[in-house]
């Protein structure tokens, strides 16, 4: 576990699985910009059994409060195989917990961990141009806008520039 000022991040535990799957599959709380795709319970549990959600291709970490209750999810993956980079993402589950600095705290922890634990030169975030809240999280953590990918992501019936 890595502790920040507001949250901690850690790998997913077996005891998290039921609650985490429910939270991931609460599509209403995913917001406007994350894809509306349900996670299969069989696939979810199979992936956990295979690698505990920690692999070079894709890793998932949970964001927890001081009582070890699930607050959100973070992930990292190699989006472009020939880049020395990983892409990261984050989601705070409960709308009432958004805007409290949890995502910024957790993202900073994750970035520090990735740079210390692996040989990676870049960490990237793809954020919808319209998602100003997520852009502020990224900027607060030191990310810089390098360009725009036109109509690069589809969510809830609309293509978004990223």
C-alpha atoms as a PDB file:
ATOM      1  CA  UNK A   1       0.000   0.000   0.000  1.00  0.00           C
ATOM      2  CA  UNK A   2       1.201   3.519  -0.788  1.00  0.00           C
ATOM      3  CA  UNK A   3      -0.347   6.287   1.296  1.00  0.00           C
ATOM      4  CA  UNK A   4      -0.987   9.843   0.219  1.00  0.00           C
ATOM      5  CA  UNK A   5      -2.481  12.776   2.058  1.00  0.00           C
ATOM      6  CA  UNK A   6      -6.086  11.897   1.143  1.00  0.00           C
ATOM      7  CA  UNK A   7      -6.098   8.284  -0.100  1.00  0.00           C
ATOM      8  CA  UNK A   8      -3.904   5.248  -0.483  1.00  0.00           C
ATOM      9  CA  UNK A   9      -3.442   3.028  -3.505  1.00  0.00           C
ATOM     10  CA  UNK A  10      -2.849  -0.692  -3.487  1.00  0.00           C
ATOM     11  CA  UNK A  11      -3.303  -3.819  -5.570  1.00  0.00           C
ATOM     12  CA  UNK A  12      -6.739  -5.406  -5.636  1.00  0.00           C
ATOM     13  CA  UNK A  13      -7.368  -8.023  -2.943  1.00  0.00           C
ATOM     14  CA  UNK A  14      -9.599 -11.074  -3.297  1.00  0.00           C
ATOM     15  CA  UNK A  15     -11.897  -9.564  -0.643  1.00  0.00           C
ATOM     16  CA  UNK A  16     -12.410  -6.498  -2.924  1.00  0.00           C
ATOM     17  CA  UNK A  17     -13.731  -8.452  -5.886  1.00  0.00           C
ATOM     18  CA  UNK A  18     -17.498  -8.456  -5.228  1.00  0.00           C
ATOM     19  CA  UNK A  19     -17.685  -4.783  -4.299  1.00  0.00           C
ATOM     20  CA  UNK A  20     -15.245  -3.702  -7.014  1.00  0.00           C
ATOM     21  CA  UNK A  21     -17.185  -5.500  -9.741  1.00  0.00           C
ATOM     22  CA  UNK A  22     -20.406  -3.827  -8.577  1.00  0.00           C
ATOM     23  CA  UNK A  23     -18.721  -0.402  -8.637  1.00  0.00           C
ATOM     24  CA  UNK A  24     -17.124  -0.927 -12.051  1.00  0.00           C
ATOM     25  CA  UNK A  25     -20.467  -2.069 -13.474  1.00  0.00           C
ATOM     26  CA  UNK A  26     -22.364   0.945 -12.095  1.00  0.00           C
ATOM     27  CA  UNK A  27     -22.423   2.637 -15.470  1.00  0.00           C
ATOM     28  CA  UNK A  28     -24.395   5.634 -14.197  1.00  0.00           C
ATOM     29  CA  UNK A  29     -21.478   6.604 -11.954  1.00  0.00           C
ATOM     30  CA  UNK A  30     -18.950   6.270 -14.800  1.00  0.00           C
ATOM     31  CA  UNK A  31     -19.866   9.731 -16.028  1.00  0.00           C
ATOM     32  CA  UNK A  32     -20.091  11.096 -19.522  1.00  0.00           C
ATOM     33  CA  UNK A  33     -16.614  10.279 -20.813  1.00  0.00           C
ATOM     34  CA  UNK A  34     -15.798   6.714 -19.767  1.00  0.00           C
ATOM     35  CA  UNK A  35     -17.153   3.959 -22.008  1.00  0.00           C
ATOM     36  CA  UNK A  36     -20.376   2.210 -21.001  1.00  0.00           C
ATOM     37  CA  UNK A  37     -19.146  -1.360 -21.078  1.00  0.00           C
ATOM     38  CA  UNK A  38     -20.095  -3.933 -18.479  1.00  0.00           C
ATOM     39  CA  UNK A  39     -17.325  -6.135 -17.155  1.00  0.00           C
ATOM     40  CA  UNK A  40     -18.142  -9.841 -17.278  1.00  0.00           C
ATOM     41  CA  UNK A  41     -17.966 -11.423 -13.827  1.00  0.00           C
ATOM     42  CA  UNK A  42     -16.362 -14.582 -15.238  1.00  0.00           C
ATOM     43  CA  UNK A  43     -13.704 -12.620 -17.147  1.00  0.00           C
ATOM     44  CA  UNK A  44     -13.109 -10.305 -14.158  1.00  0.00           C
ATOM     45  CA  UNK A  45     -12.524 -13.188 -11.743  1.00  0.00           C
ATOM     46  CA  UNK A  46     -10.482 -15.131 -14.286  1.00  0.00           C
ATOM     47  CA  UNK A  47      -8.146 -12.191 -14.838  1.00  0.00           C
ATOM     48  CA  UNK A  48      -7.747 -11.740 -11.084  1.00  0.00           C
ATOM     49  CA  UNK A  49      -6.909 -15.429 -10.663  1.00  0.00           C
ATOM     50  CA  UNK A  50      -4.439 -15.265 -13.524  1.00  0.00           C
ATOM     51  CA  UNK A  51      -2.429 -12.241 -12.413  1.00  0.00           C
ATOM     52  CA  UNK A  52      -4.170 -10.304  -9.628  1.00  0.00           C
ATOM     53  CA  UNK A  53      -4.785  -7.491 -12.143  1.00  0.00           C
ATOM     54  CA  UNK A  54      -1.037  -6.794 -12.268  1.00  0.00           C
ATOM     55  CA  UNK A  55       0.676  -7.356 -15.603  1.00  0.00           C
ATOM     56  CA  UNK A  56       2.841  -5.458 -18.033  1.00  0.00           C
ATOM     57  CA  UNK A  57      -0.073  -5.244 -20.467  1.00  0.00           C
ATOM     58  CA  UNK A  58      -2.625  -3.889 -17.954  1.00  0.00           C
ATOM     59  CA  UNK A  59      -2.567  -3.268 -14.224  1.00  0.00           C
ATOM     60  CA  UNK A  60      -5.419  -2.133 -11.991  1.00  0.00           C
ATOM     61  CA  UNK A  61      -5.050  -0.587  -8.558  1.00  0.00           C
ATOM     62  CA  UNK A  62      -7.674   0.501  -6.077  1.00  0.00           C
ATOM     63  CA  UNK A  63      -7.892   3.857  -4.380  1.00  0.00           C
ATOM     64  CA  UNK A  64      -8.940   3.471  -0.733  1.00  0.00           C
ATOM     65  CA  UNK A  65      -9.768   5.795   2.144  1.00  0.00           C
ATOM     66  CA  UNK A  66      -8.318   5.639   5.656  1.00  0.00           C
ATOM     67  CA  UNK A  67     -10.768   2.816   6.509  1.00  0.00           C
ATOM     68  CA  UNK A  68      -9.598   0.787   3.479  1.00  0.00           C
ATOM     69  CA  UNK A  69     -12.950   1.357   1.745  1.00  0.00           C
ATOM     70  CA  UNK A  70     -12.908   1.481  -2.054  1.00  0.00           C
ATOM     71  CA  UNK A  71     -12.991   5.050  -3.349  1.00  0.00           C
ATOM     72  CA  UNK A  72     -11.852   4.578  -6.926  1.00  0.00           C
ATOM     73  CA  UNK A  73      -9.866   2.682  -9.487  1.00  0.00           C
ATOM     74  CA  UNK A  74      -6.638   3.434 -11.335  1.00  0.00           C
ATOM     75  CA  UNK A  75      -5.123   1.563 -14.256  1.00  0.00           C
ATOM     76  CA  UNK A  76      -1.975   1.580 -16.334  1.00  0.00           C
ATOM     77  CA  UNK A  77      -1.249  -0.087 -19.647  1.00  0.00           C
ATOM     78  CA  UNK A  78       1.045   0.043 -22.646  1.00  0.00           C
ATOM     79  CA  UNK A  79      -1.103   1.704 -25.292  1.00  0.00           C
ATOM     80  CA  UNK A  80       1.615   1.878 -27.976  1.00  0.00           C
ATOM     81  CA  UNK A  81       3.920  -1.159 -27.902  1.00  0.00           C
ATOM     82  CA  UNK A  82       6.968   0.574 -29.379  1.00  0.00           C
ATOM     83  CA  UNK A  83       6.845   3.608 -27.023  1.00  0.00           C
ATOM     84  CA  UNK A  84       8.716   3.597 -23.740  1.00  0.00           C
ATOM     85  CA  UNK A  85       5.526   4.798 -22.108  1.00  0.00           C
ATOM     86  CA  UNK A  86       2.441   3.728 -20.228  1.00  0.00           C
ATOM     87  CA  UNK A  87      -0.987   5.272 -20.274  1.00  0.00           C
ATOM     88  CA  UNK A  88      -2.868   5.752 -17.023  1.00  0.00           C
ATOM     89  CA  UNK A  89      -6.476   6.355 -16.114  1.00  0.00           C
ATOM     90  CA  UNK A  90      -8.532   6.924 -13.003  1.00  0.00           C
ATOM     91  CA  UNK A  91     -12.094   6.899 -11.776  1.00  0.00           C
ATOM     92  CA  UNK A  92     -13.634   7.997  -8.472  1.00  0.00           C
ATOM     93  CA  UNK A  93     -16.742   5.870  -7.998  1.00  0.00           C
ATOM     94  CA  UNK A  94     -19.068   7.937  -5.802  1.00  0.00           C
ATOM     95  CA  UNK A  95     -20.070  11.298  -7.271  1.00  0.00           C
ATOM     96  CA  UNK A  96     -20.036  12.725  -3.716  1.00  0.00           C
ATOM     97  CA  UNK A  97     -16.310  11.902  -3.459  1.00  0.00           C
ATOM     98  CA  UNK A  98     -15.397  13.813  -6.605  1.00  0.00           C
ATOM     99  CA  UNK A  99     -13.780  17.226  -6.322  1.00  0.00           C
ATOM    100  CA  UNK A 100     -12.114  16.368  -3.005  1.00  0.00           C
ATOM    101  CA  UNK A 101      -8.606  15.779  -4.384  1.00  0.00           C
ATOM    102  CA  UNK A 102      -8.771  11.984  -4.233  1.00  0.00           C
ATOM    103  CA  UNK A 103      -7.993  11.473  -7.934  1.00  0.00           C
ATOM    104  CA  UNK A 104      -5.067  13.924  -7.879  1.00  0.00           C
ATOM    105  CA  UNK A 105      -3.593  12.338  -4.771  1.00  0.00           C
ATOM    106  CA  UNK A 106      -3.993   8.819  -6.164  1.00  0.00           C
ATOM    107  CA  UNK A 107      -2.645   9.751  -9.607  1.00  0.00           C
ATOM    108  CA  UNK A 108       0.477  11.298  -8.059  1.00  0.00           C
ATOM    109  CA  UNK A 109       1.028   8.128  -6.021  1.00  0.00           C
ATOM    110  CA  UNK A 110       0.579   5.925  -9.078  1.00  0.00           C
ATOM    111  CA  UNK A 111       2.962   7.974 -11.230  1.00  0.00           C
ATOM    112  CA  UNK A 112       5.647   7.925  -8.540  1.00  0.00           C
ATOM    113  CA  UNK A 113       5.209   4.174  -8.170  1.00  0.00           C
ATOM    114  CA  UNK A 114       5.419   3.551 -11.932  1.00  0.00           C
ATOM    115  CA  UNK A 115       8.607   5.580 -12.318  1.00  0.00           C
ATOM    116  CA  UNK A 116      10.225   3.863  -9.329  1.00  0.00           C
ATOM    117  CA  UNK A 117       9.080   0.293  -9.987  1.00  0.00           C
ATOM    118  CA  UNK A 118       9.473   0.004 -13.738  1.00  0.00           C
ATOM    119  CA  UNK A 119      11.662   1.232 -16.531  1.00  0.00           C
ATOM    120  CA  UNK A 120       9.303   3.680 -18.149  1.00  0.00           C
ATOM    121  CA  UNK A 121      10.207   7.020 -19.649  1.00  0.00           C
ATOM    122  CA  UNK A 122       6.745   8.524 -20.156  1.00  0.00           C
ATOM    123  CA  UNK A 123       3.382   8.389 -18.470  1.00  0.00           C
ATOM    124  CA  UNK A 124       0.493   9.570 -20.608  1.00  0.00           C
ATOM    125  CA  UNK A 125      -3.169  10.364 -20.046  1.00  0.00           C
ATOM    126  CA  UNK A 126      -5.803  10.621 -22.738  1.00  0.00           C
ATOM    127  CA  UNK A 127      -8.601  12.935 -21.633  1.00  0.00           C
ATOM    128  CA  UNK A 128     -11.645  14.063 -23.588  1.00  0.00           C
ATOM    129  CA  UNK A 129     -11.280  17.732 -24.544  1.00  0.00           C
ATOM    130  CA  UNK A 130     -14.659  18.432 -22.915  1.00  0.00           C
ATOM    131  CA  UNK A 131     -13.643  16.738 -19.640  1.00  0.00           C
ATOM    132  CA  UNK A 132     -12.244  19.815 -17.897  1.00  0.00           C
ATOM    133  CA  UNK A 133     -12.374  18.200 -14.448  1.00  0.00           C
ATOM    134  CA  UNK A 134     -10.097  15.349 -15.505  1.00  0.00           C
ATOM    135  CA  UNK A 135      -7.820  17.796 -17.322  1.00  0.00           C
ATOM    136  CA  UNK A 136      -7.385  19.718 -14.045  1.00  0.00           C
ATOM    137  CA  UNK A 137      -6.448  16.485 -12.249  1.00  0.00           C
ATOM    138  CA  UNK A 138      -3.800  15.780 -14.892  1.00  0.00           C
ATOM    139  CA  UNK A 139      -2.436  19.341 -14.825  1.00  0.00           C
ATOM    140  CA  UNK A 140      -2.296  19.327 -11.025  1.00  0.00           C
ATOM    141  CA  UNK A 141      -0.096  16.219 -11.281  1.00  0.00           C
ATOM    142  CA  UNK A 142       2.283  17.850 -13.766  1.00  0.00           C
ATOM    143  CA  UNK A 143       0.932  16.535 -17.068  1.00  0.00           C
ATOM    144  CA  UNK A 144       1.179  18.839 -20.075  1.00  0.00           C
ATOM    145  CA  UNK A 145      -1.056  19.054 -23.140  1.00  0.00           C
ATOM    146  CA  UNK A 146       0.946  17.775 -26.108  1.00  0.00           C
ATOM    147  CA  UNK A 147      -1.731  17.527 -28.763  1.00  0.00           C
ATOM    148  CA  UNK A 148      -5.249  16.531 -29.694  1.00  0.00           C
ATOM    149  CA  UNK A 149      -6.393  13.294 -31.290  1.00  0.00           C
ATOM    150  CA  UNK A 150      -9.514  14.126 -33.268  1.00  0.00           C
ATOM    151  CA  UNK A 151     -12.551  11.878 -32.683  1.00  0.00           C
ATOM    152  CA  UNK A 152     -10.318   9.331 -30.937  1.00  0.00           C
ATOM    153  CA  UNK A 153     -12.727   7.908 -28.365  1.00  0.00           C
ATOM    154  CA  UNK A 154     -16.341   6.775 -28.449  1.00  0.00           C
ATOM    155  CA  UNK A 155     -18.525   6.961 -25.371  1.00  0.00           C
ATOM    156  CA  UNK A 156     -22.268   6.981 -24.906  1.00  0.00           C
ATOM    157  CA  UNK A 157     -23.115   7.543 -28.551  1.00  0.00           C
ATOM    158  CA  UNK A 158     -20.589  10.299 -29.264  1.00  0.00           C
ATOM    159  CA  UNK A 159     -17.046  10.592 -30.582  1.00  0.00           C
ATOM    160  CA  UNK A 160     -14.716  12.729 -28.486  1.00  0.00           C
ATOM    161  CA  UNK A 161     -11.504  14.529 -29.259  1.00  0.00           C
ATOM    162  CA  UNK A 162      -8.829  13.419 -26.828  1.00  0.00           C
END
